[in-house]
N, C-alpha and C. Protein backbone atom coordinates (compact mmCIF):
# COMPACT_ATOMS: atom_id res chain seq x y z
N MET A 1 112.98 151.30 38.32
CA MET A 1 112.82 151.33 39.75
C MET A 1 111.68 150.40 40.17
N LYS A 2 110.61 150.43 39.39
CA LYS A 2 109.49 149.56 39.72
C LYS A 2 109.89 148.11 39.58
N LYS A 3 110.72 147.84 38.55
CA LYS A 3 111.18 146.48 38.37
C LYS A 3 112.05 146.04 39.54
N LEU A 4 112.89 146.91 40.01
CA LEU A 4 113.78 146.59 41.13
C LEU A 4 112.97 146.33 42.39
N ILE A 5 111.98 147.12 42.67
CA ILE A 5 111.11 146.92 43.83
C ILE A 5 110.33 145.62 43.67
N PHE A 6 109.85 145.36 42.46
CA PHE A 6 109.10 144.13 42.20
C PHE A 6 109.99 142.89 42.40
N VAL A 7 111.21 142.91 41.88
CA VAL A 7 112.16 141.80 42.04
C VAL A 7 112.53 141.65 43.51
N LEU A 8 112.74 142.75 44.18
CA LEU A 8 113.08 142.72 45.61
C LEU A 8 111.92 142.14 46.42
N ALA A 9 110.71 142.49 46.12
CA ALA A 9 109.53 141.97 46.82
C ALA A 9 109.39 140.47 46.60
N ILE A 10 109.60 140.02 45.37
CA ILE A 10 109.51 138.59 45.07
C ILE A 10 110.62 137.84 45.79
N THR A 11 111.82 138.38 45.80
CA THR A 11 112.95 137.74 46.47
C THR A 11 112.70 137.64 47.97
N LEU A 12 112.24 138.71 48.58
CA LEU A 12 111.96 138.70 50.01
C LEU A 12 110.81 137.73 50.34
N SER A 13 109.82 137.70 49.48
CA SER A 13 108.70 136.79 49.69
C SER A 13 109.16 135.34 49.60
N ALA A 14 110.01 135.02 48.65
CA ALA A 14 110.54 133.67 48.50
C ALA A 14 111.41 133.30 49.70
N ALA A 15 112.24 134.22 50.14
CA ALA A 15 113.10 133.96 51.30
C ALA A 15 112.26 133.74 52.55
N HIS A 16 111.21 134.53 52.69
CA HIS A 16 110.33 134.39 53.85
C HIS A 16 109.62 133.03 53.85
N SER A 17 109.12 132.63 52.71
CA SER A 17 108.42 131.33 52.65
C SER A 17 109.39 130.18 52.88
N GLN A 18 110.62 130.30 52.37
CA GLN A 18 111.63 129.27 52.58
C GLN A 18 111.97 129.16 54.08
N ALA A 19 112.13 130.28 54.75
CA ALA A 19 112.44 130.29 56.18
C ALA A 19 111.29 129.72 56.98
N THR A 20 110.08 130.06 56.63
CA THR A 20 108.90 129.55 57.32
C THR A 20 108.80 128.04 57.18
N THR A 21 109.03 127.56 55.97
CA THR A 21 108.98 126.12 55.73
C THR A 21 110.05 125.41 56.54
N HIS A 22 111.22 125.94 56.56
CA HIS A 22 112.33 125.33 57.29
C HIS A 22 112.04 125.33 58.80
N LEU A 23 111.55 126.41 59.34
CA LEU A 23 111.26 126.48 60.77
C LEU A 23 110.14 125.52 61.15
N LYS A 24 109.12 125.42 60.34
CA LYS A 24 108.03 124.48 60.62
C LYS A 24 108.54 123.06 60.62
N TYR A 25 109.40 122.71 59.72
CA TYR A 25 109.95 121.37 59.64
C TYR A 25 110.78 121.05 60.89
N ALA A 26 111.63 122.00 61.32
CA ALA A 26 112.45 121.78 62.51
C ALA A 26 111.56 121.64 63.74
N GLY A 27 110.50 122.43 63.81
CA GLY A 27 109.58 122.33 64.93
C GLY A 27 108.88 120.99 64.96
N ALA A 28 108.46 120.52 63.81
CA ALA A 28 107.79 119.22 63.73
C ALA A 28 108.75 118.11 64.11
N LYS A 29 109.99 118.24 63.68
CA LYS A 29 111.01 117.24 64.00
C LYS A 29 111.23 117.18 65.51
N THR A 30 111.32 118.33 66.16
CA THR A 30 111.52 118.39 67.61
C THR A 30 110.31 117.80 68.33
N ASP A 31 109.12 118.12 67.90
CA ASP A 31 107.91 117.58 68.51
C ASP A 31 107.87 116.06 68.38
N SER A 32 108.27 115.57 67.23
CA SER A 32 108.27 114.13 66.99
C SER A 32 109.24 113.42 67.93
N VAL A 33 110.40 113.99 68.12
CA VAL A 33 111.40 113.40 69.03
C VAL A 33 110.87 113.42 70.46
N GLN A 34 110.28 114.53 70.86
CA GLN A 34 109.73 114.63 72.21
C GLN A 34 108.58 113.64 72.41
N LEU A 35 107.76 113.48 71.38
CA LEU A 35 106.64 112.55 71.47
C LEU A 35 107.13 111.12 71.59
N LYS A 36 108.12 110.76 70.80
CA LYS A 36 108.70 109.41 70.89
C LYS A 36 109.32 109.17 72.26
N LYS A 37 109.98 110.17 72.79
CA LYS A 37 110.59 110.06 74.12
C LYS A 37 109.50 109.86 75.18
N LYS A 38 108.42 110.63 75.07
CA LYS A 38 107.31 110.51 76.03
C LYS A 38 106.66 109.13 75.93
N ILE A 39 106.46 108.64 74.71
CA ILE A 39 105.87 107.32 74.52
C ILE A 39 106.76 106.24 75.12
N THR A 40 108.07 106.37 74.91
CA THR A 40 109.01 105.40 75.49
C THR A 40 108.95 105.42 77.02
N GLN A 41 108.90 106.61 77.60
CA GLN A 41 108.81 106.72 79.06
C GLN A 41 107.52 106.11 79.58
N LEU A 42 106.42 106.36 78.90
CA LEU A 42 105.14 105.80 79.32
C LEU A 42 105.14 104.28 79.19
N ASN A 43 105.74 103.77 78.13
CA ASN A 43 105.84 102.30 77.98
C ASN A 43 106.67 101.68 79.10
N LEU A 44 107.77 102.33 79.46
CA LEU A 44 108.60 101.81 80.56
C LEU A 44 107.86 101.87 81.89
N LYS A 45 107.14 102.95 82.12
CA LYS A 45 106.36 103.07 83.35
C LYS A 45 105.28 102.00 83.40
N LEU A 46 104.61 101.78 82.27
CA LEU A 46 103.57 100.76 82.19
C LEU A 46 104.14 99.37 82.45
N LEU A 47 105.29 99.09 81.91
CA LEU A 47 105.94 97.81 82.13
C LEU A 47 106.30 97.62 83.61
N ASP A 48 106.83 98.67 84.23
CA ASP A 48 107.18 98.60 85.64
C ASP A 48 105.94 98.39 86.51
N LEU A 49 104.87 99.11 86.23
CA LEU A 49 103.63 98.96 87.00
C LEU A 49 103.06 97.55 86.84
N ASN A 50 103.11 97.02 85.63
CA ASN A 50 102.61 95.65 85.41
C ASN A 50 103.45 94.62 86.18
N ASN A 51 104.77 94.84 86.22
CA ASN A 51 105.63 93.92 86.99
C ASN A 51 105.30 93.99 88.48
N GLN A 52 105.10 95.20 88.99
CA GLN A 52 104.72 95.35 90.40
C GLN A 52 103.38 94.68 90.68
N LEU A 53 102.46 94.82 89.76
CA LEU A 53 101.14 94.22 89.93
C LEU A 53 101.24 92.70 89.97
N ILE A 54 102.04 92.13 89.09
CA ILE A 54 102.22 90.67 89.07
C ILE A 54 102.84 90.19 90.38
N GLU A 55 103.87 90.90 90.85
CA GLU A 55 104.52 90.52 92.11
C GLU A 55 103.54 90.59 93.28
N THR A 56 102.75 91.64 93.32
CA THR A 56 101.80 91.81 94.42
C THR A 56 100.71 90.74 94.36
N ARG A 57 100.22 90.47 93.16
CA ARG A 57 99.19 89.42 93.02
C ARG A 57 99.74 88.05 93.40
N ASN A 58 101.01 87.81 93.13
CA ASN A 58 101.63 86.55 93.53
C ASN A 58 101.86 86.49 95.04
N GLN A 59 102.01 87.63 95.67
CA GLN A 59 102.25 87.68 97.11
C GLN A 59 100.96 87.49 97.91
N ILE A 60 99.83 87.83 97.36
CA ILE A 60 98.55 87.73 98.08
C ILE A 60 98.27 86.31 98.56
N PRO A 61 98.41 85.28 97.74
CA PRO A 61 98.15 83.92 98.24
C PRO A 61 99.11 83.52 99.38
N VAL A 62 100.36 83.96 99.27
CA VAL A 62 101.34 83.67 100.32
C VAL A 62 100.91 84.33 101.63
N ASP A 63 100.54 85.60 101.55
CA ASP A 63 100.09 86.32 102.74
C ASP A 63 98.79 85.74 103.28
N SER A 64 97.94 85.27 102.41
CA SER A 64 96.69 84.66 102.84
C SER A 64 96.94 83.38 103.64
N VAL A 65 97.88 82.58 103.17
CA VAL A 65 98.24 81.35 103.89
C VAL A 65 98.84 81.71 105.26
N LYS A 66 99.72 82.73 105.28
CA LYS A 66 100.31 83.17 106.55
C LYS A 66 99.21 83.63 107.51
N PHE A 67 98.25 84.37 106.99
CA PHE A 67 97.16 84.86 107.83
C PHE A 67 96.35 83.70 108.40
N GLU A 68 95.98 82.75 107.55
CA GLU A 68 95.20 81.59 108.02
C GLU A 68 95.96 80.81 109.08
N SER A 69 97.25 80.61 108.86
CA SER A 69 98.08 79.88 109.82
C SER A 69 98.17 80.64 111.15
N ALA A 70 98.43 81.94 111.06
CA ALA A 70 98.53 82.75 112.28
C ALA A 70 97.21 82.80 113.02
N LEU A 71 96.11 82.84 112.28
CA LEU A 71 94.79 82.86 112.90
C LEU A 71 94.52 81.55 113.64
N ALA A 72 94.89 80.43 113.03
CA ALA A 72 94.70 79.13 113.68
C ALA A 72 95.56 79.02 114.94
N LYS A 73 96.81 79.47 114.85
CA LYS A 73 97.70 79.44 116.02
C LYS A 73 97.16 80.32 117.13
N SER A 74 96.66 81.48 116.75
CA SER A 74 96.10 82.40 117.73
C SER A 74 94.89 81.77 118.43
N HIS A 75 94.03 81.15 117.66
CA HIS A 75 92.85 80.50 118.23
C HIS A 75 93.25 79.39 119.20
N ASP A 76 94.21 78.56 118.81
CA ASP A 76 94.68 77.48 119.68
C ASP A 76 95.29 78.04 120.97
N ALA A 77 96.10 79.09 120.83
CA ALA A 77 96.73 79.70 122.00
C ALA A 77 95.69 80.30 122.94
N GLN A 78 94.65 80.89 122.38
CA GLN A 78 93.60 81.46 123.21
C GLN A 78 92.82 80.37 123.95
N GLU A 79 92.57 79.25 123.29
CA GLU A 79 91.89 78.13 123.94
C GLU A 79 92.73 77.58 125.08
N LYS A 80 94.03 77.42 124.86
CA LYS A 80 94.92 76.93 125.91
C LYS A 80 94.96 77.91 127.08
N SER A 81 95.00 79.20 126.74
CA SER A 81 95.02 80.22 127.78
C SER A 81 93.73 80.18 128.60
N LYS A 82 92.62 79.96 127.94
CA LYS A 82 91.32 79.87 128.62
C LYS A 82 91.30 78.68 129.59
N LYS A 83 91.82 77.54 129.14
CA LYS A 83 91.87 76.36 130.00
C LYS A 83 92.79 76.59 131.20
N ARG A 84 93.96 77.19 130.94
CA ARG A 84 94.90 77.47 132.03
C ARG A 84 94.29 78.45 133.03
N SER A 85 93.56 79.42 132.53
CA SER A 85 92.93 80.39 133.43
C SER A 85 91.90 79.70 134.31
N GLY A 86 91.17 78.77 133.72
CA GLY A 86 90.19 78.00 134.52
C GLY A 86 90.86 77.17 135.59
N GLN A 87 92.03 76.62 135.28
CA GLN A 87 92.78 75.82 136.27
C GLN A 87 93.37 76.72 137.35
N ALA A 88 93.77 77.93 136.97
CA ALA A 88 94.40 78.84 137.92
C ALA A 88 93.41 79.36 138.95
N VAL A 89 92.12 79.40 138.62
CA VAL A 89 91.11 79.91 139.54
C VAL A 89 91.05 79.07 140.80
N GLY A 90 91.11 77.78 140.63
CA GLY A 90 91.03 76.90 141.80
C GLY A 90 92.37 76.32 142.20
N GLY A 91 93.46 76.76 141.55
CA GLY A 91 94.76 76.15 141.79
C GLY A 91 95.67 77.00 142.65
N ASP A 92 96.94 76.59 142.65
CA ASP A 92 97.94 77.28 143.46
C ASP A 92 98.69 78.33 142.62
N MET A 93 99.77 78.85 143.19
CA MET A 93 100.52 79.93 142.55
C MET A 93 101.17 79.48 141.24
N ASP A 94 101.62 78.22 141.16
CA ASP A 94 102.22 77.70 139.93
C ASP A 94 101.20 77.71 138.78
N ASP A 95 99.97 77.38 139.08
CA ASP A 95 98.93 77.40 138.05
C ASP A 95 98.67 78.82 137.56
N VAL A 96 98.75 79.78 138.47
CA VAL A 96 98.56 81.19 138.10
C VAL A 96 99.69 81.65 137.18
N LYS A 97 100.93 81.27 137.50
CA LYS A 97 102.07 81.65 136.67
C LYS A 97 101.98 81.00 135.28
N LEU A 98 101.56 79.75 135.24
CA LEU A 98 101.40 79.08 133.95
C LEU A 98 100.28 79.72 133.12
N ALA A 99 99.22 80.12 133.79
CA ALA A 99 98.12 80.79 133.10
C ALA A 99 98.58 82.14 132.55
N GLU A 100 99.39 82.86 133.34
CA GLU A 100 99.91 84.14 132.88
C GLU A 100 100.83 83.96 131.67
N LYS A 101 101.68 82.94 131.72
CA LYS A 101 102.58 82.65 130.61
C LYS A 101 101.77 82.29 129.35
N GLN A 102 100.74 81.49 129.52
CA GLN A 102 99.90 81.09 128.37
C GLN A 102 99.15 82.30 127.81
N ALA A 103 98.76 83.22 128.66
CA ALA A 103 98.08 84.43 128.20
C ALA A 103 99.03 85.30 127.36
N LYS A 104 100.30 85.38 127.76
CA LYS A 104 101.28 86.14 126.98
C LYS A 104 101.49 85.51 125.61
N ILE A 105 101.54 84.18 125.59
CA ILE A 105 101.70 83.48 124.31
C ILE A 105 100.49 83.75 123.41
N ALA A 106 99.31 83.70 124.00
CA ALA A 106 98.08 83.95 123.23
C ALA A 106 98.07 85.38 122.69
N ARG A 107 98.52 86.33 123.50
CA ARG A 107 98.57 87.73 123.07
C ARG A 107 99.56 87.90 121.91
N LYS A 108 100.70 87.22 122.00
CA LYS A 108 101.70 87.29 120.94
C LYS A 108 101.15 86.69 119.64
N GLN A 109 100.51 85.54 119.75
CA GLN A 109 99.94 84.89 118.56
C GLN A 109 98.84 85.74 117.93
N THR A 110 98.05 86.38 118.76
CA THR A 110 96.99 87.25 118.25
C THR A 110 97.59 88.45 117.53
N GLY A 111 98.67 89.00 118.08
CA GLY A 111 99.36 90.12 117.44
C GLY A 111 99.90 89.72 116.07
N GLU A 112 100.46 88.51 115.98
CA GLU A 112 100.97 88.04 114.69
C GLU A 112 99.84 87.86 113.68
N ALA A 113 98.70 87.39 114.15
CA ALA A 113 97.55 87.23 113.26
C ALA A 113 97.06 88.60 112.77
N GLU A 114 97.05 89.58 113.64
CA GLU A 114 96.64 90.94 113.25
C GLU A 114 97.62 91.53 112.24
N ASP A 115 98.92 91.30 112.46
CA ASP A 115 99.92 91.80 111.52
C ASP A 115 99.76 91.14 110.15
N ALA A 116 99.49 89.85 110.14
CA ALA A 116 99.28 89.14 108.87
C ALA A 116 98.03 89.68 108.16
N ALA A 117 96.99 89.99 108.92
CA ALA A 117 95.77 90.54 108.33
C ALA A 117 96.05 91.92 107.73
N LYS A 118 96.84 92.73 108.44
CA LYS A 118 97.18 94.06 107.94
C LYS A 118 97.99 93.96 106.65
N GLN A 119 98.94 93.01 106.61
CA GLN A 119 99.76 92.84 105.40
C GLN A 119 98.90 92.41 104.22
N LEU A 120 97.97 91.50 104.47
CA LEU A 120 97.08 91.04 103.41
C LEU A 120 96.22 92.19 102.88
N GLU A 121 95.70 93.00 103.77
CA GLU A 121 94.89 94.15 103.37
C GLU A 121 95.74 95.17 102.61
N LYS A 122 96.98 95.37 103.05
CA LYS A 122 97.90 96.28 102.39
C LYS A 122 98.16 95.82 100.95
N ASP A 123 98.36 94.53 100.76
CA ASP A 123 98.58 93.99 99.41
C ASP A 123 97.36 94.18 98.53
N ARG A 124 96.19 93.98 99.09
CA ARG A 124 94.96 94.16 98.31
C ARG A 124 94.78 95.62 97.88
N LYS A 125 95.09 96.54 98.78
CA LYS A 125 95.00 97.96 98.44
C LYS A 125 96.03 98.33 97.37
N LYS A 126 97.22 97.72 97.47
CA LYS A 126 98.27 97.99 96.50
C LYS A 126 97.84 97.52 95.11
N VAL A 127 97.16 96.38 95.04
CA VAL A 127 96.67 95.88 93.75
C VAL A 127 95.69 96.89 93.15
N LYS A 128 94.78 97.40 93.97
CA LYS A 128 93.81 98.39 93.48
C LYS A 128 94.52 99.65 92.98
N SER A 129 95.48 100.13 93.76
CA SER A 129 96.23 101.33 93.41
C SER A 129 97.02 101.12 92.12
N LEU A 130 97.70 99.99 92.01
CA LEU A 130 98.46 99.72 90.79
C LEU A 130 97.56 99.60 89.57
N THR A 131 96.40 99.01 89.76
CA THR A 131 95.45 98.88 88.65
C THR A 131 95.01 100.26 88.16
N LYS A 132 94.72 101.16 89.09
CA LYS A 132 94.34 102.53 88.72
C LYS A 132 95.49 103.23 88.00
N ASP A 133 96.72 103.07 88.53
CA ASP A 133 97.88 103.70 87.90
C ASP A 133 98.10 103.16 86.49
N ILE A 134 97.90 101.87 86.31
CA ILE A 134 98.07 101.26 84.99
C ILE A 134 97.04 101.83 84.03
N GLU A 135 95.80 101.96 84.48
CA GLU A 135 94.75 102.52 83.62
C GLU A 135 95.08 103.96 83.22
N LYS A 136 95.55 104.77 84.18
CA LYS A 136 95.90 106.16 83.88
C LYS A 136 97.06 106.23 82.90
N THR A 137 98.08 105.41 83.12
CA THR A 137 99.25 105.42 82.24
C THR A 137 98.87 104.94 80.85
N GLN A 138 98.03 103.93 80.77
CA GLN A 138 97.60 103.44 79.47
C GLN A 138 96.81 104.50 78.71
N LYS A 139 95.98 105.26 79.45
CA LYS A 139 95.21 106.33 78.84
C LYS A 139 96.14 107.41 78.30
N LYS A 140 97.15 107.78 79.08
CA LYS A 140 98.12 108.78 78.63
C LYS A 140 98.87 108.28 77.39
N LEU A 141 99.24 107.01 77.41
CA LEU A 141 99.93 106.42 76.27
C LEU A 141 99.06 106.43 75.02
N ASP A 142 97.80 106.09 75.19
CA ASP A 142 96.87 106.12 74.04
C ASP A 142 96.72 107.52 73.49
N GLU A 143 96.66 108.51 74.38
CA GLU A 143 96.52 109.90 73.94
C GLU A 143 97.79 110.35 73.22
N ALA A 144 98.94 109.91 73.72
CA ALA A 144 100.20 110.32 73.08
C ALA A 144 100.36 109.67 71.71
N GLN A 145 99.86 108.48 71.55
CA GLN A 145 99.99 107.77 70.29
C GLN A 145 98.91 108.15 69.28
N ALA A 146 97.85 108.75 69.73
CA ALA A 146 96.73 109.10 68.85
C ALA A 146 97.14 110.00 67.68
N PRO A 147 97.92 111.06 67.88
CA PRO A 147 98.29 111.92 66.75
C PRO A 147 99.20 111.22 65.73
N THR A 148 99.98 110.25 66.19
CA THR A 148 100.92 109.59 65.28
C THR A 148 100.24 108.56 64.40
N ASN A 149 99.08 108.08 64.81
CA ASN A 149 98.42 107.01 64.04
C ASN A 149 97.65 107.55 62.90
C-alpha cells in the first residue's frame, strides 16, 4: 500500500510538473506574439508620424512664401487705400466711391495675410505636436523591445 501511494505521488508530481511546464511555454509563446504585434504597430505608427512630420516641414516654406506675398499685397493695398482716402477728402463723389472700393480691396488683402499667418502658425504647432508624438512612440517602442534584447 505504501508503495502504491508512493508511486501514485510520484506520478501525480510528474504530471503536475509536465502540465506546469507546458502551460508556461504556451503563455510565453502568447506573450511573444503579442509583443511582436505591439512592436509592429508601434513601428507603423512611428513611420506614419515621421511621414506626417516630413510633409508638414516641407509645407512650412511654402506657407511662409504665401504669407510674405500676402503681407506685401496687403501693405500695397493699404497704401493705395490711404492715398485714395486722401483724394476723397477734397474730391467729389466718384473719388469717395473709389476710396471705398480701395478700402474693401485692402481689407480683403489683409484678411488673406491673416489667414496665411494662421496657417503658418498651425503648421509650426503641428510640427511640435508631431515631434512630441514621435518621442512618445519611440519611448514606447524602446520599452517594448527592452525585454526581447
